PDB file of N, CA and C in Angstrom:
ATOM      1  N   UNK A   1     -29.842  -1.875  26.248  1.00  0.00           N
ATOM      2  CA  UNK A   1     -27.837  -1.571  26.313  1.00  0.00           C
ATOM      3  C   UNK A   1     -27.143  -2.639  26.257  1.00  0.00           C
ATOM      4  N   UNK A   2     -27.269  -3.890  26.294  1.00  0.00           N
ATOM      5  CA  UNK A   2     -25.990  -4.737  25.514  1.00  0.00           C
ATOM      6  C   UNK A   2     -26.113  -4.904  23.806  1.00  0.00           C
ATOM      7  N   UNK A   3     -26.966  -4.006  23.293  1.00  0.00           N
ATOM      8  CA  UNK A   3     -27.132  -4.148  22.020  1.00  0.00           C
ATOM      9  C   UNK A   3     -26.000  -2.561  21.329  1.00  0.00           C
ATOM     10  N   UNK A   4     -26.877  -2.034  22.189  1.00  0.00           N
ATOM     11  CA  UNK A   4     -26.125  -0.628  21.635  1.00  0.00           C
ATOM     12  C   UNK A   4     -24.197  -1.011  21.648  1.00  0.00           C
ATOM     13  N   UNK A   5     -23.771  -1.530  22.479  1.00  0.00           N
ATOM     14  CA  UNK A   5     -23.103  -1.354  23.422  1.00  0.00           C
ATOM     15  C   UNK A   5     -22.059  -2.330  22.271  1.00  0.00           C
ATOM     16  N   UNK A   6     -22.307  -3.457  21.200  1.00  0.00           N
ATOM     17  CA  UNK A   6     -21.793  -4.157  20.863  1.00  0.00           C
ATOM     18  C   UNK A   6     -22.059  -3.234  19.507  1.00  0.00           C
ATOM     19  N   UNK A   7     -22.313  -3.094  19.291  1.00  0.00           N
ATOM     20  CA  UNK A   7     -22.587  -1.980  17.760  1.00  0.00           C
ATOM     21  C   UNK A   7     -22.069  -0.897  17.843  1.00  0.00           C
ATOM     22  N   UNK A   8     -21.643  -0.417  19.085  1.00  0.00           N
ATOM     23  CA  UNK A   8     -20.249   0.343  18.774  1.00  0.00           C
ATOM     24  C   UNK A   8     -19.170   0.118  19.210  1.00  0.00           C
ATOM     25  N   UNK A   9     -18.752  -1.308  20.076  1.00  0.00           N
ATOM     26  CA  UNK A   9     -17.078  -1.882  19.572  1.00  0.00           C
ATOM     27  C   UNK A   9     -17.906  -2.040  18.243  1.00  0.00           C
ATOM     28  N   UNK A  10     -18.406  -2.909  17.624  1.00  0.00           N
ATOM     29  CA  UNK A  10     -18.161  -3.432  16.093  1.00  0.00           C
ATOM     30  C   UNK A  10     -18.522  -2.210  15.193  1.00  0.00           C
ATOM     31  N   UNK A  11     -18.395  -0.975  15.379  1.00  0.00           N
ATOM     32  CA  UNK A  11     -18.631  -0.173  14.481  1.00  0.00           C
ATOM     33  C   UNK A  11     -17.233   0.610  14.700  1.00  0.00           C
ATOM     34  N   UNK A  12     -16.375   0.474  15.923  1.00  0.00           N
ATOM     35  CA  UNK A  12     -15.054   0.714  16.504  1.00  0.00           C
ATOM     36  C   UNK A  12     -14.113  -0.178  15.667  1.00  0.00           C
ATOM     37  N   UNK A  13     -14.816  -1.341  15.735  1.00  0.00           N
ATOM     38  CA  UNK A  13     -13.609  -2.307  15.177  1.00  0.00           C
ATOM     39  C   UNK A  13     -13.857  -2.081  13.668  1.00  0.00           C
ATOM     40  N   UNK A  14     -15.137  -1.829  12.760  1.00  0.00           N
ATOM     41  CA  UNK A  14     -14.735  -1.658  11.541  1.00  0.00           C
ATOM     42  C   UNK A  14     -13.620  -0.400  10.956  1.00  0.00           C
ATOM     43  N   UNK A  15     -14.173   0.192  12.153  1.00  0.00           N
ATOM     44  CA  UNK A  15     -12.996   2.320  11.780  1.00  0.00           C
ATOM     45  C   UNK A  15     -11.585   1.455  11.295  1.00  0.00           C
ATOM     46  N   UNK A  16     -11.461   0.461  12.752  1.00  0.00           N
ATOM     47  CA  UNK A  16     -10.496   1.164  12.870  1.00  0.00           C
ATOM     48  C   UNK A  16      -9.409  -0.543  11.907  1.00  0.00           C
ATOM     49  N   UNK A  17     -10.646  -1.390  11.764  1.00  0.00           N
ATOM     50  CA  UNK A  17      -9.847  -1.944  10.359  1.00  0.00           C
ATOM     51  C   UNK A  17      -9.132  -1.771   9.081  1.00  0.00           C
ATOM     52  N   UNK A  18     -10.111  -0.798   8.564  1.00  0.00           N
ATOM     53  CA  UNK A  18      -9.936   0.606   7.310  1.00  0.00           C
ATOM     54  C   UNK A  18      -8.993   1.286   7.879  1.00  0.00           C
ATOM     55  N   UNK A  19      -8.460   1.441   8.827  1.00  0.00           N
ATOM     56  CA  UNK A  19      -7.369   2.462   8.688  1.00  0.00           C
ATOM     57  C   UNK A  19      -6.188   1.667   8.736  1.00  0.00           C
ATOM     58  N   UNK A  20      -5.943   0.419   9.121  1.00  0.00           N
ATOM     59  CA  UNK A  20      -5.264  -0.613   9.362  1.00  0.00           C
ATOM     60  C   UNK A  20      -4.362  -1.012   7.801  1.00  0.00           C
ATOM     61  N   UNK A  21      -5.813  -0.985   6.892  1.00  0.00           N
ATOM     62  CA  UNK A  21      -5.545  -1.346   5.454  1.00  0.00           C
ATOM     63  C   UNK A  21      -5.321   0.332   4.258  1.00  0.00           C
ATOM     64  N   UNK A  22      -4.498   0.772   5.083  1.00  0.00           N
ATOM     65  CA  UNK A  22      -4.075   2.188   4.512  1.00  0.00           C
ATOM     66  C   UNK A  22      -4.589   3.431   3.739  1.00  0.00           C
ATOM     67  N   UNK A  23      -5.770   3.312   4.844  1.00  0.00           N
ATOM     68  CA  UNK A  23      -6.693   3.843   4.690  1.00  0.00           C
ATOM     69  C   UNK A  23      -5.811   5.459   4.845  1.00  0.00           C
ATOM     70  N   UNK A  24      -6.384   6.810   5.132  1.00  0.00           N
ATOM     71  CA  UNK A  24      -5.944   7.934   5.739  1.00  0.00           C
ATOM     72  C   UNK A  24      -4.919   8.694   5.079  1.00  0.00           C
ATOM     73  N   UNK A  25      -3.868   9.300   5.159  1.00  0.00           N
ATOM     74  CA  UNK A  25      -3.138  10.654   4.450  1.00  0.00           C
ATOM     75  C   UNK A  25      -2.433   9.502   3.609  1.00  0.00           C
ATOM     76  N   UNK A  26      -2.171  10.170   2.530  1.00  0.00           N
ATOM     77  CA  UNK A  26      -0.572   9.474   2.252  1.00  0.00           C
ATOM     78  C   UNK A  26       0.520  10.439   2.275  1.00  0.00           C
ATOM     79  N   UNK A  27       1.519  10.118   3.131  1.00  0.00           N
ATOM     80  CA  UNK A  27       2.497  10.472   3.862  1.00  0.00           C
ATOM     81  C   UNK A  27       4.102   9.794   2.790  1.00  0.00           C
ATOM     82  N   UNK A  28       4.357  11.503   1.945  1.00  0.00           N
ATOM     83  CA  UNK A  28       4.907  10.768   0.798  1.00  0.00           C
ATOM     84  C   UNK A  28       6.387  11.213   1.190  1.00  0.00           C
ATOM     85  N   UNK A  29       7.412  10.126   1.571  1.00  0.00           N
ATOM     86  CA  UNK A  29       8.233  10.228   1.490  1.00  0.00           C
ATOM     87  C   UNK A  29       9.564  10.683   0.741  1.00  0.00           C
ATOM     88  N   UNK A  30       9.331  11.067  -0.155  1.00  0.00           N
ATOM     89  CA  UNK A  30      10.341  11.824  -1.066  1.00  0.00           C
ATOM     90  C   UNK A  30      11.125  13.181  -0.953  1.00  0.00           C
ATOM     91  N   UNK A  31      12.201  13.303  -1.239  1.00  0.00           N
ATOM     92  CA  UNK A  31      12.964  14.324  -0.619  1.00  0.00           C
ATOM     93  C   UNK A  31      13.318  15.381  -1.904  1.00  0.00           C
ATOM     94  N   UNK A  32      13.472  16.671  -1.755  1.00  0.00           N
ATOM     95  CA  UNK A  32      13.929  18.240  -2.788  1.00  0.00           C
ATOM     96  C   UNK A  32      15.269  17.691  -2.832  1.00  0.00           C
ATOM     97  N   UNK A  33      16.372  18.387  -2.808  1.00  0.00           N
ATOM     98  CA  UNK A  33      17.479  18.706  -3.620  1.00  0.00           C
ATOM     99  C   UNK A  33      17.920  19.909  -3.483  1.00  0.00           C
ATOM    100  N   UNK A  34      18.897  20.417  -3.551  1.00  0.00           N
ATOM    101  CA  UNK A  34      18.527  22.109  -3.246  1.00  0.00           C
ATOM    102  C   UNK A  34      17.658  22.786  -4.448  1.00  0.00           C
ATOM    103  N   UNK A  35      18.125  21.851  -5.452  1.00  0.00           N
ATOM    104  CA  UNK A  35      17.827  22.264  -6.906  1.00  0.00           C
ATOM    105  C   UNK A  35      16.398  22.544  -7.369  1.00  0.00           C
ATOM    106  N   UNK A  36      15.853  21.795  -6.340  1.00  0.00           N
ATOM    107  CA  UNK A  36      13.807  21.608  -6.215  1.00  0.00           C
ATOM    108  C   UNK A  36      13.879  20.215  -7.092  1.00  0.00           C
ATOM    109  N   UNK A  37      14.752  19.537  -7.463  1.00  0.00           N
ATOM    110  CA  UNK A  37      13.880  18.610  -8.062  1.00  0.00           C
ATOM    111  C   UNK A  37      14.431  17.192  -7.524  1.00  0.00           C
ATOM    112  N   UNK A  38      13.100  16.345  -7.725  1.00  0.00           N
ATOM    113  CA  UNK A  38      12.439  15.205  -6.612  1.00  0.00           C
ATOM    114  C   UNK A  38      13.890  13.868  -6.991  1.00  0.00           C
ATOM    115  N   UNK A  39      14.166  14.015  -5.240  1.00  0.00           N
ATOM    116  CA  UNK A  39      14.964  12.835  -5.410  1.00  0.00           C
ATOM    117  C   UNK A  39      14.764  10.891  -5.156  1.00  0.00           C
ATOM    118  N   UNK A  40      15.436  10.714  -6.124  1.00  0.00           N
ATOM    119  CA  UNK A  40      15.181   9.082  -6.565  1.00  0.00           C
ATOM    120  C   UNK A  40      14.645   8.331  -5.052  1.00  0.00           C
ATOM    121  N   UNK A  41      13.660   7.044  -4.992  1.00  0.00           N
ATOM    122  CA  UNK A  41      13.414   6.723  -3.836  1.00  0.00           C
ATOM    123  C   UNK A  41      14.385   5.654  -3.848  1.00  0.00           C
ATOM    124  N   UNK A  42      14.727   4.973  -2.210  1.00  0.00           N
ATOM    125  CA  UNK A  42      15.259   4.395  -2.922  1.00  0.00           C
ATOM    126  C   UNK A  42      14.870   3.376  -2.097  1.00  0.00           C
ATOM    127  N   UNK A  43      14.981   2.211  -1.601  1.00  0.00           N
ATOM    128  CA  UNK A  43      14.450   0.648  -1.425  1.00  0.00           C
ATOM    129  C   UNK A  43      13.558   1.030   0.400  1.00  0.00           C
ATOM    130  N   UNK A  44      14.922   1.503   1.271  1.00  0.00           N
ATOM    131  CA  UNK A  44      14.158   1.642   3.076  1.00  0.00           C
ATOM    132  C   UNK A  44      13.150   2.315   2.301  1.00  0.00           C
ATOM    133  N   UNK A  45      12.639   3.757   0.911  1.00  0.00           N
ATOM    134  CA  UNK A  45      11.216   4.029   1.306  1.00  0.00           C
ATOM    135  C   UNK A  45      10.697   3.481   1.451  1.00  0.00           C
ATOM    136  N   UNK A  46      10.614   2.608   0.202  1.00  0.00           N
ATOM    137  CA  UNK A  46       9.082   1.810  -0.477  1.00  0.00           C
ATOM    138  C   UNK A  46       9.435   0.404   0.269  1.00  0.00           C
ATOM    139  N   UNK A  47       9.967   0.115   1.225  1.00  0.00           N
ATOM    140  CA  UNK A  47       9.623  -1.149   1.968  1.00  0.00           C
ATOM    141  C   UNK A  47       8.348   0.135   3.250  1.00  0.00           C
ATOM    142  N   UNK A  48       8.973   1.376   3.672  1.00  0.00           N
ATOM    143  CA  UNK A  48       8.750   1.721   4.361  1.00  0.00           C
ATOM    144  C   UNK A  48       7.116   2.322   4.329  1.00  0.00           C
ATOM    145  N   UNK A  49       7.316   2.304   3.104  1.00  0.00           N
ATOM    146  CA  UNK A  49       5.716   3.142   2.966  1.00  0.00           C
ATOM    147  C   UNK A  49       4.515   1.779   2.047  1.00  0.00           C
ATOM    148  N   UNK A  50       5.667   0.507   2.228  1.00  0.00           N
ATOM    149  CA  UNK A  50       4.756  -0.919   2.060  1.00  0.00           C
ATOM    150  C   UNK A  50       4.057  -1.358   3.197  1.00  0.00           C
ATOM    151  N   UNK A  51       4.782  -0.870   4.603  1.00  0.00           N
ATOM    152  CA  UNK A  51       4.948  -1.422   5.229  1.00  0.00           C
ATOM    153  C   UNK A  51       3.504  -1.118   6.514  1.00  0.00           C
ATOM    154  N   UNK A  52       3.834   0.603   5.705  1.00  0.00           N
ATOM    155  CA  UNK A  52       2.201   1.485   6.336  1.00  0.00           C
ATOM    156  C   UNK A  52       0.723   1.128   5.490  1.00  0.00           C
ATOM    157  N   UNK A  53       1.232   0.380   3.901  1.00  0.00           N
ATOM    158  CA  UNK A  53      -0.174   1.095   3.389  1.00  0.00           C
ATOM    159  C   UNK A  53      -0.428  -0.477   2.781  1.00  0.00           C
ATOM    160  N   UNK A  54       0.219  -1.647   3.323  1.00  0.00           N
ATOM    161  CA  UNK A  54       0.494  -2.410   2.146  1.00  0.00           C
ATOM    162  C   UNK A  54       0.585  -4.022   2.735  1.00  0.00           C
ATOM    163  N   UNK A  55       1.090  -4.354   4.184  1.00  0.00           N
ATOM    164  CA  UNK A  55       1.360  -5.217   4.423  1.00  0.00           C
ATOM    165  C   UNK A  55       0.232  -5.850   5.922  1.00  0.00           C
ATOM    166  N   UNK A  56      -0.288  -4.978   5.409  1.00  0.00           N
ATOM    167  CA  UNK A  56      -1.563  -5.283   6.612  1.00  0.00           C
ATOM    168  C   UNK A  56      -2.260  -6.863   5.356  1.00  0.00           C
ATOM    169  N   UNK A  57      -2.427  -6.169   4.668  1.00  0.00           N
ATOM    170  CA  UNK A  57      -2.945  -7.351   3.321  1.00  0.00           C
ATOM    171  C   UNK A  57      -2.001  -8.579   2.525  1.00  0.00           C
ATOM    172  N   UNK A  58      -1.018  -8.144   2.641  1.00  0.00           N
ATOM    173  CA  UNK A  58       0.319  -8.575   1.886  1.00  0.00           C
ATOM    174  C   UNK A  58       1.122  -8.787   2.620  1.00  0.00           C
ATOM    175  N   UNK A  59       1.373  -9.133   3.625  1.00  0.00           N
ATOM    176  CA  UNK A  59       2.385  -9.584   5.086  1.00  0.00           C
ATOM    177  C   UNK A  59       3.432  -8.881   4.730  1.00  0.00           C
ATOM    178  N   UNK A  60       3.841  -8.704   5.934  1.00  0.00           N
ATOM    179  CA  UNK A  60       5.314  -8.243   6.037  1.00  0.00           C
ATOM    180  C   UNK A  60       6.727  -8.359   5.375  1.00  0.00           C
ATOM    181  N   UNK A  61       6.332  -9.809   4.635  1.00  0.00           N
ATOM    182  CA  UNK A  61       7.077 -10.253   4.340  1.00  0.00           C
ATOM    183  C   UNK A  61       7.115 -10.754   2.721  1.00  0.00           C
ATOM    184  N   UNK A  62       5.414  -9.689   2.091  1.00  0.00           N
ATOM    185  CA  UNK A  62       5.845  -9.722   1.043  1.00  0.00           C
ATOM    186  C   UNK A  62       5.066 -11.347   0.494  1.00  0.00           C
ATOM    187  N   UNK A  63       4.140 -12.148   1.286  1.00  0.00           N
ATOM    188  CA  UNK A  63       4.357 -13.321   1.500  1.00  0.00           C
ATOM    189  C   UNK A  63       2.509 -13.910   0.869  1.00  0.00           C
ATOM    190  N   UNK A  64       1.904 -12.742   1.530  1.00  0.00           N
ATOM    191  CA  UNK A  64       0.802 -12.647   1.300  1.00  0.00           C
ATOM    192  C   UNK A  64      -0.167 -13.327   2.098  1.00  0.00           C
ATOM    193  N   UNK A  65      -1.470 -13.136   2.669  1.00  0.00           N
ATOM    194  CA  UNK A  65      -2.460 -13.315   3.345  1.00  0.00           C
ATOM    195  C   UNK A  65      -3.858 -12.764   3.419  1.00  0.00           C
ATOM    196  N   UNK A  66      -4.215 -11.667   3.213  1.00  0.00           N
ATOM    197  CA  UNK A  66      -5.824 -11.722   2.753  1.00  0.00           C
ATOM    198  C   UNK A  66      -5.491 -11.274   1.332  1.00  0.00           C
ATOM    199  N   UNK A  67      -4.084 -10.311   1.410  1.00  0.00           N
ATOM    200  CA  UNK A  67      -4.024 -10.562  -0.085  1.00  0.00           C
ATOM    201  C   UNK A  67      -2.263 -11.385  -1.075  1.00  0.00           C
ATOM    202  N   UNK A  68      -2.568 -11.192  -2.431  1.00  0.00           N
ATOM    203  CA  UNK A  68      -1.317 -12.420  -3.053  1.00  0.00           C
ATOM    204  C   UNK A  68      -0.133 -12.311  -2.194  1.00  0.00           C
ATOM    205  N   UNK A  69       0.466 -12.929  -2.825  1.00  0.00           N
ATOM    206  CA  UNK A  69       1.601 -13.205  -2.341  1.00  0.00           C
ATOM    207  C   UNK A  69       2.245 -12.260  -3.805  1.00  0.00           C
ATOM    208  N   UNK A  70       3.223 -11.109  -2.998  1.00  0.00           N
ATOM    209  CA  UNK A  70       4.300 -10.269  -4.041  1.00  0.00           C
ATOM    210  C   UNK A  70       5.401 -10.925  -4.013  1.00  0.00           C
ATOM    211  N   UNK A  71       5.973 -11.468  -3.732  1.00  0.00           N
ATOM    212  CA  UNK A  71       7.302 -11.865  -3.428  1.00  0.00           C
ATOM    213  C   UNK A  71       8.560 -12.120  -4.936  1.00  0.00           C
ATOM    214  N   UNK A  72       7.064 -12.283  -6.180  1.00  0.00           N
ATOM    215  CA  UNK A  72       7.933 -12.183  -7.322  1.00  0.00           C
ATOM    216  C   UNK A  72       6.899 -11.657  -8.793  1.00  0.00           C
ATOM    217  N   UNK A  73       6.041 -10.579  -8.002  1.00  0.00           N
ATOM    218  CA  UNK A  73       4.909 -10.300  -8.189  1.00  0.00           C
ATOM    219  C   UNK A  73       6.109  -8.939 -10.014  1.00  0.00           C
ATOM    220  N   UNK A  74       6.641  -8.964  -9.671  1.00  0.00           N
ATOM    221  CA  UNK A  74       7.512  -8.731 -10.750  1.00  0.00           C
ATOM    222  C   UNK A  74       8.126  -8.726 -12.573  1.00  0.00           C
ATOM    223  N   UNK A  75       7.829 -10.204 -11.965  1.00  0.00           N
ATOM    224  CA  UNK A  75       7.846 -11.213 -13.324  1.00  0.00           C
ATOM    225  C   UNK A  75       6.420 -11.700 -13.913  1.00  0.00           C
ATOM    226  N   UNK A  76       5.641 -11.022 -13.138  1.00  0.00           N
ATOM    227  CA  UNK A  76       4.544 -11.065 -13.869  1.00  0.00           C
ATOM    228  C   UNK A  76       3.646  -9.373 -14.416  1.00  0.00           C
ATOM    229  N   UNK A  77       3.791  -8.812 -13.519  1.00  0.00           N
ATOM    230  CA  UNK A  77       3.808  -7.427 -13.577  1.00  0.00           C
ATOM    231  C   UNK A  77       4.465  -5.731 -14.009  1.00  0.00           C
ATOM    232  N   UNK A  78       4.563  -5.579 -15.265  1.00  0.00           N
ATOM    233  CA  UNK A  78       5.465  -4.759 -15.583  1.00  0.00           C
ATOM    234  C   UNK A  78       5.201  -3.266 -14.334  1.00  0.00           C
ATOM    235  N   UNK A  79       6.283  -2.577 -14.395  1.00  0.00           N
ATOM    236  CA  UNK A  79       5.938  -1.112 -13.357  1.00  0.00           C
ATOM    237  C   UNK A  79       4.669  -0.026 -13.983  1.00  0.00           C
ATOM    238  N   UNK A  80       4.262  -0.206 -15.163  1.00  0.00           N
ATOM    239  CA  UNK A  80       3.387   0.294 -15.722  1.00  0.00           C
ATOM    240  C   UNK A  80       1.764  -0.370 -15.037  1.00  0.00           C
ATOM    241  N   UNK A  81       1.124  -1.635 -15.262  1.00  0.00           N
ATOM    242  CA  UNK A  81       1.112  -2.759 -14.649  1.00  0.00           C
ATOM    243  C   UNK A  81       0.575  -2.246 -13.199  1.00  0.00           C
ATOM    244  N   UNK A  82       1.750  -2.322 -12.744  1.00  0.00           N
ATOM    245  CA  UNK A  82       1.906  -2.143 -10.986  1.00  0.00           C
ATOM    246  C   UNK A  82       1.110  -1.129 -10.666  1.00  0.00           C
ATOM    247  N   UNK A  83       1.132   0.329 -10.983  1.00  0.00           N
ATOM    248  CA  UNK A  83       1.046   1.494 -11.268  1.00  0.00           C
ATOM    249  C   UNK A  83      -0.668   1.927 -11.148  1.00  0.00           C
ATOM    250  N   UNK A  84      -1.142   1.030 -12.369  1.00  0.00           N
ATOM    251  CA  UNK A  84      -2.099   0.532 -12.934  1.00  0.00           C
ATOM    252  C   UNK A  84      -3.366   0.582 -11.516  1.00  0.00           C
ATOM    253  N   UNK A  85      -2.134  -1.248 -10.828  1.00  0.00           N
ATOM    254  CA  UNK A  85      -3.789  -1.509 -10.064  1.00  0.00           C
ATOM    255  C   UNK A  85      -3.411  -0.926  -8.933  1.00  0.00           C
ATOM    256  N   UNK A  86      -2.350  -0.265  -8.618  1.00  0.00           N
ATOM    257  CA  UNK A  86      -2.137   0.885  -7.327  1.00  0.00           C
ATOM    258  C   UNK A  86      -3.393   2.108  -7.522  1.00  0.00           C
ATOM    259  N   UNK A  87      -3.227   2.477  -8.529  1.00  0.00           N
ATOM    260  CA  UNK A  87      -4.222   3.565  -8.833  1.00  0.00           C
ATOM    261  C   UNK A  87      -5.791   2.786  -8.726  1.00  0.00           C
ATOM    262  N   UNK A  88      -6.176   2.275  -9.680  1.00  0.00           N
ATOM    263  CA  UNK A  88      -7.410   1.421 -10.231  1.00  0.00           C
ATOM    264  C   UNK A  88      -8.088  -0.028  -8.930  1.00  0.00           C
ATOM    265  N   UNK A  89      -7.291  -0.381  -9.382  1.00  0.00           N
ATOM    266  CA  UNK A  89      -7.429  -1.670  -7.500  1.00  0.00           C
ATOM    267  C   UNK A  89      -7.729  -2.748  -8.424  1.00  0.00           C
ATOM    268  N   UNK A  90      -7.884  -3.969  -8.216  1.00  0.00           N
ATOM    269  CA  UNK A  90      -7.795  -5.174  -9.446  1.00  0.00           C
ATOM    270  C   UNK A  90      -9.027  -6.044  -8.529  1.00  0.00           C
ATOM    271  N   UNK A  91      -9.884  -6.720  -9.390  1.00  0.00           N
ATOM    272  CA  UNK A  91     -11.335  -7.479  -8.834  1.00  0.00           C
ATOM    273  C   UNK A  91     -10.440  -8.636  -8.073  1.00  0.00           C
ATOM    274  N   UNK A  92     -11.665  -9.068  -6.822  1.00  0.00           N
ATOM    275  CA  UNK A  92     -10.735  -9.403  -6.198  1.00  0.00           C
ATOM    276  C   UNK A  92     -10.268  -9.083  -4.433  1.00  0.00           C
ATOM    277  N   UNK A  93     -10.773  -8.332  -4.399  1.00  0.00           N
ATOM    278  CA  UNK A  93     -10.161  -7.331  -3.531  1.00  0.00           C
ATOM    279  C   UNK A  93      -9.686  -6.310  -2.850  1.00  0.00           C
ATOM    280  N   UNK A  94      -8.279  -5.649  -4.251  1.00  0.00           N
ATOM    281  CA  UNK A  94      -7.331  -4.151  -3.862  1.00  0.00           C
ATOM    282  C   UNK A  94      -8.404  -3.682  -4.420  1.00  0.00           C
ATOM    283  N   UNK A  95      -8.084  -2.638  -3.571  1.00  0.00           N
ATOM    284  CA  UNK A  95      -8.936  -1.292  -3.630  1.00  0.00           C
ATOM    285  C   UNK A  95      -8.253  -0.074  -4.072  1.00  0.00           C
ATOM    286  N   UNK A  96      -8.928   0.383  -4.849  1.00  0.00           N
ATOM    287  CA  UNK A  96      -8.151   1.577  -5.866  1.00  0.00           C
ATOM    288  C   UNK A  96      -7.541   2.632  -4.486  1.00  0.00           C
ATOM    289  N   UNK A  97      -6.760   3.151  -5.105  1.00  0.00           N
ATOM    290  CA  UNK A  97      -6.075   4.680  -3.800  1.00  0.00           C
ATOM    291  C   UNK A  97      -5.382   4.397  -2.639  1.00  0.00           C
ATOM    292  N   UNK A  98      -4.987   2.933  -2.401  1.00  0.00           N
ATOM    293  CA  UNK A  98      -4.055   3.229  -1.010  1.00  0.00           C
ATOM    294  C   UNK A  98      -3.175   4.143  -1.087  1.00  0.00           C
ATOM    295  N   UNK A  99      -2.077   3.664  -2.868  1.00  0.00           N
ATOM    296  CA  UNK A  99      -1.329   4.645  -2.347  1.00  0.00           C
ATOM    297  C   UNK A  99      -1.584   5.918  -2.897  1.00  0.00           C
ATOM    298  N   UNK A 100      -0.794   6.698  -3.728  1.00  0.00           N
ATOM    299  CA  UNK A 100      -0.632   7.456  -4.772  1.00  0.00           C
ATOM    300  C   UNK A 100       0.154   8.202  -5.166  1.00  0.00           C
ATOM    301  N   UNK A 101       0.573   9.001  -5.975  1.00  0.00           N
ATOM    302  CA  UNK A 101       1.092  10.031  -6.263  1.00  0.00           C
ATOM    303  C   UNK A 101       2.859   9.204  -6.399  1.00  0.00           C
ATOM    304  N   UNK A 102       3.926  10.444  -5.423  1.00  0.00           N
ATOM    305  CA  UNK A 102       5.249   9.652  -5.306  1.00  0.00           C
ATOM    306  C   UNK A 102       4.806   8.509  -4.402  1.00  0.00           C
ATOM    307  N   UNK A 103       4.405   8.048  -3.870  1.00  0.00           N
ATOM    308  CA  UNK A 103       4.750   6.764  -3.303  1.00  0.00           C
ATOM    309  C   UNK A 103       4.502   5.481  -3.933  1.00  0.00           C
ATOM    310  N   UNK A 104       3.036   6.017  -4.566  1.00  0.00           N
ATOM    311  CA  UNK A 104       2.682   4.689  -5.735  1.00  0.00           C
ATOM    312  C   UNK A 104       4.298   4.410  -6.164  1.00  0.00           C
ATOM    313  N   UNK A 105       4.680   5.640  -7.082  1.00  0.00           N
ATOM    314  CA  UNK A 105       5.272   5.297  -8.278  1.00  0.00           C
ATOM    315  C   UNK A 105       7.036   4.692  -7.641  1.00  0.00           C
ATOM    316  N   UNK A 106       7.366   4.729  -6.389  1.00  0.00           N
ATOM    317  CA  UNK A 106       8.202   4.461  -5.808  1.00  0.00           C
ATOM    318  C   UNK A 106       7.755   2.827  -5.034  1.00  0.00           C
ATOM    319  N   UNK A 107       6.656   2.178  -4.898  1.00  0.00           N
ATOM    320  CA  UNK A 107       6.086   0.770  -4.649  1.00  0.00           C
ATOM    321  C   UNK A 107       5.813   0.090  -5.992  1.00  0.00           C
ATOM    322  N   UNK A 108       5.269   0.961  -7.398  1.00  0.00           N
ATOM    323  CA  UNK A 108       5.400   0.086  -8.396  1.00  0.00           C
ATOM    324  C   UNK A 108       6.933  -0.220  -8.469  1.00  0.00           C
ATOM    325  N   UNK A 109       8.110   0.729  -8.741  1.00  0.00           N
ATOM    326  CA  UNK A 109       9.140   0.436  -9.192  1.00  0.00           C
ATOM    327  C   UNK A 109      10.024  -0.662  -8.109  1.00  0.00           C
ATOM    328  N   UNK A 110       9.782  -0.478  -7.130  1.00  0.00           N
ATOM    329  CA  UNK A 110      10.541  -1.979  -5.958  1.00  0.00           C
ATOM    330  C   UNK A 110      10.120  -2.617  -6.194  1.00  0.00           C
ATOM    331  N   UNK A 111       8.424  -3.444  -6.336  1.00  0.00           N
ATOM    332  CA  UNK A 111       7.677  -4.138  -6.499  1.00  0.00           C
ATOM    333  C   UNK A 111       7.781  -5.170  -7.782  1.00  0.00           C
ATOM    334  N   UNK A 112       8.422  -4.035  -8.875  1.00  0.00           N
ATOM    335  CA  UNK A 112       8.542  -4.663 -10.202  1.00  0.00           C
ATOM    336  C   UNK A 112      10.102  -5.190 -10.321  1.00  0.00           C
ATOM    337  N   UNK A 113      10.812  -5.207  -9.594  1.00  0.00           N
ATOM    338  CA  UNK A 113      11.858  -5.501  -9.095  1.00  0.00           C
ATOM    339  C   UNK A 113      11.938  -6.492  -8.789  1.00  0.00           C
ATOM    340  N   UNK A 114      10.447  -6.919  -7.991  1.00  0.00           N
ATOM    341  CA  UNK A 114      10.493  -7.973  -7.592  1.00  0.00           C
ATOM    342  C   UNK A 114      10.239  -9.480  -8.287  1.00  0.00           C
ATOM    343  N   UNK A 115      11.471  -9.933  -8.715  1.00  0.00           N
ATOM    344  CA  UNK A 115      11.792 -11.294  -9.998  1.00  0.00           C
ATOM    345  C   UNK A 115      12.034 -12.547  -9.449  1.00  0.00           C
TER     346      UNK A 115
END
């Protein structure tokens, strides 16, 4: 009985941990103008996406944790390189596809400006 309970608790913890690392739906935060074109996302949109999808590993202040420090990531990688990392992941622990679509573009633009 104790073994089953422990297994259940560990399984639940694993599922919750994966959800905290950005698993789940891609909640795009971009909006549409009346003309039907997508508005440029601003820094607060990027911060919100980062807080939801990335901060559990990279820290709310971008200084790292389980993931690397991103405070000056734009001096190391271009926007295109950051997009590639978001899409394909990176060896050492960065999983692929945690952020995609417009959210990935918003995050890449925001992080590329961090010099």
